[in-house]
Amino acid sequence: MYQPEPVSIASTASLSEAADLMSDHHTNALPVLDNGTLVGIVARIDIIRTLLV
């Protein structure tokens, strides 16, 4: 679903912060921004895979 101001996270944020933000906003992925520029996307599965390693 399109959101005019999507929830995003800074490139310096921790995985814990990303997981909390995803949970709070009921989303499975977040755009990652560095000084307002899109540098990537982190998905819930990325966090899960990191925890399983």
N, C-alpha and C. Protein backbone atom coordinates (compact mmCIF):
# COMPACT_ATOMS: atom_id res chain seq x y z
N MET A 1 0.84 -1.17 0.00
CA MET A 1 0.00 0.00 0.00
C MET A 1 0.89 1.25 0.00
N TYR A 2 0.56 2.20 -0.81
CA TYR A 2 1.32 3.44 -0.93
C TYR A 2 1.13 4.31 0.30
N GLN A 3 2.24 4.82 0.82
CA GLN A 3 2.21 5.77 1.92
C GLN A 3 2.92 7.04 1.45
N PRO A 4 2.30 8.20 1.60
CA PRO A 4 2.94 9.44 1.15
C PRO A 4 4.26 9.71 1.86
N GLU A 5 4.35 9.34 3.12
CA GLU A 5 5.60 9.48 3.88
C GLU A 5 5.92 8.13 4.50
N PRO A 6 6.57 7.24 3.76
CA PRO A 6 6.85 5.90 4.30
C PRO A 6 7.80 5.95 5.49
N VAL A 7 7.64 5.00 6.35
CA VAL A 7 8.53 4.85 7.50
C VAL A 7 9.87 4.39 6.94
N SER A 8 10.94 5.02 7.38
CA SER A 8 12.28 4.65 6.92
C SER A 8 13.22 4.62 8.11
N ILE A 9 14.43 4.17 7.85
CA ILE A 9 15.41 4.06 8.92
C ILE A 9 16.76 4.58 8.40
N ALA A 10 17.55 5.12 9.29
CA ALA A 10 18.87 5.64 8.92
C ALA A 10 19.85 4.49 8.72
N SER A 11 20.83 4.70 7.88
CA SER A 11 21.84 3.66 7.61
C SER A 11 22.67 3.36 8.85
N THR A 12 22.66 4.23 9.82
CA THR A 12 23.44 4.02 11.04
C THR A 12 22.66 3.30 12.14
N ALA A 13 21.38 3.02 11.90
CA ALA A 13 20.54 2.38 12.90
C ALA A 13 20.91 0.90 13.06
N SER A 14 20.62 0.37 14.23
CA SER A 14 20.91 -1.04 14.51
C SER A 14 19.78 -1.93 13.98
N LEU A 15 20.07 -3.23 13.89
CA LEU A 15 19.02 -4.18 13.49
C LEU A 15 17.90 -4.21 14.51
N SER A 16 18.24 -4.01 15.77
CA SER A 16 17.23 -3.97 16.82
C SER A 16 16.27 -2.81 16.60
N GLU A 17 16.81 -1.65 16.25
CA GLU A 17 15.96 -0.49 15.95
C GLU A 17 15.07 -0.76 14.75
N ALA A 18 15.63 -1.41 13.73
CA ALA A 18 14.84 -1.74 12.54
C ALA A 18 13.71 -2.70 12.90
N ALA A 19 14.01 -3.71 13.69
CA ALA A 19 12.99 -4.68 14.09
C ALA A 19 11.88 -4.00 14.89
N ASP A 20 12.25 -3.12 15.80
CA ASP A 20 11.25 -2.40 16.60
C ASP A 20 10.37 -1.52 15.71
N LEU A 21 10.98 -0.83 14.77
CA LEU A 21 10.23 0.05 13.87
C LEU A 21 9.26 -0.75 13.00
N MET A 22 9.74 -1.89 12.49
CA MET A 22 8.87 -2.75 11.69
C MET A 22 7.68 -3.24 12.50
N SER A 23 7.96 -3.63 13.72
CA SER A 23 6.89 -4.12 14.61
C SER A 23 5.89 -3.01 14.92
N ASP A 24 6.40 -1.85 15.26
CA ASP A 24 5.53 -0.72 15.62
C ASP A 24 4.63 -0.27 14.47
N HIS A 25 5.14 -0.39 13.24
CA HIS A 25 4.40 0.11 12.07
C HIS A 25 3.81 -1.01 11.21
N HIS A 26 3.89 -2.24 11.72
CA HIS A 26 3.29 -3.40 11.03
C HIS A 26 3.73 -3.49 9.57
N THR A 27 5.05 -3.47 9.37
CA THR A 27 5.61 -3.56 8.02
C THR A 27 6.68 -4.64 7.99
N ASN A 28 6.95 -5.16 6.81
CA ASN A 28 7.95 -6.21 6.66
C ASN A 28 9.26 -5.72 6.05
N ALA A 29 9.31 -4.45 5.68
CA ALA A 29 10.54 -3.90 5.09
C ALA A 29 10.59 -2.40 5.31
N LEU A 30 11.81 -1.89 5.34
CA LEU A 30 12.03 -0.45 5.53
C LEU A 30 13.06 0.05 4.53
N PRO A 31 12.81 1.21 3.93
CA PRO A 31 13.86 1.84 3.14
C PRO A 31 14.96 2.33 4.09
N VAL A 32 16.20 2.18 3.67
CA VAL A 32 17.35 2.64 4.46
C VAL A 32 17.89 3.90 3.80
N LEU A 33 17.96 4.99 4.57
CA LEU A 33 18.39 6.28 4.04
C LEU A 33 19.71 6.73 4.66
N ASP A 34 20.51 7.37 3.84
CA ASP A 34 21.75 7.99 4.30
C ASP A 34 21.71 9.44 3.84
N ASN A 35 21.53 10.35 4.78
CA ASN A 35 21.37 11.78 4.46
C ASN A 35 20.26 12.02 3.44
N GLY A 36 19.15 11.29 3.60
CA GLY A 36 17.99 11.48 2.74
C GLY A 36 18.05 10.73 1.42
N THR A 37 19.14 10.02 1.16
CA THR A 37 19.29 9.26 -0.08
C THR A 37 19.07 7.78 0.20
N LEU A 38 18.27 7.14 -0.63
CA LEU A 38 18.02 5.72 -0.48
C LEU A 38 19.29 4.94 -0.77
N VAL A 39 19.71 4.12 0.20
CA VAL A 39 20.92 3.30 0.02
C VAL A 39 20.61 1.82 0.10
N GLY A 40 19.37 1.46 0.44
CA GLY A 40 19.02 0.05 0.51
C GLY A 40 17.65 -0.15 1.12
N ILE A 41 17.34 -1.42 1.30
CA ILE A 41 16.09 -1.82 1.94
C ILE A 41 16.43 -2.95 2.89
N VAL A 42 15.93 -2.89 4.09
CA VAL A 42 16.10 -3.99 5.04
C VAL A 42 14.73 -4.63 5.24
N ALA A 43 14.71 -5.95 5.11
CA ALA A 43 13.47 -6.71 5.27
C ALA A 43 13.54 -7.55 6.54
N ARG A 44 12.37 -7.92 7.02
CA ARG A 44 12.28 -8.75 8.23
C ARG A 44 13.12 -10.02 8.07
N ILE A 45 13.09 -10.62 6.88
CA ILE A 45 13.85 -11.85 6.65
C ILE A 45 15.35 -11.61 6.77
N ASP A 46 15.82 -10.40 6.44
CA ASP A 46 17.24 -10.07 6.61
C ASP A 46 17.64 -10.14 8.08
N ILE A 47 16.75 -9.64 8.93
CA ILE A 47 17.02 -9.65 10.38
C ILE A 47 17.02 -11.09 10.89
N ILE A 48 16.05 -11.87 10.45
CA ILE A 48 15.96 -13.28 10.87
C ILE A 48 17.21 -14.04 10.45
N ARG A 49 17.62 -13.85 9.20
CA ARG A 49 18.83 -14.55 8.70
C ARG A 49 20.06 -14.16 9.50
N THR A 50 20.17 -12.89 9.86
CA THR A 50 21.32 -12.43 10.65
C THR A 50 21.34 -13.08 12.03
N LEU A 51 20.17 -13.24 12.62
CA LEU A 51 20.09 -13.85 13.95
C LEU A 51 20.39 -15.34 13.92
N LEU A 52 20.14 -15.99 12.79
CA LEU A 52 20.36 -17.43 12.67
C LEU A 52 21.82 -17.80 12.39
N VAL A 53 22.63 -16.81 12.00
CA VAL A 53 24.04 -17.09 11.67
C VAL A 53 24.87 -17.22 12.92
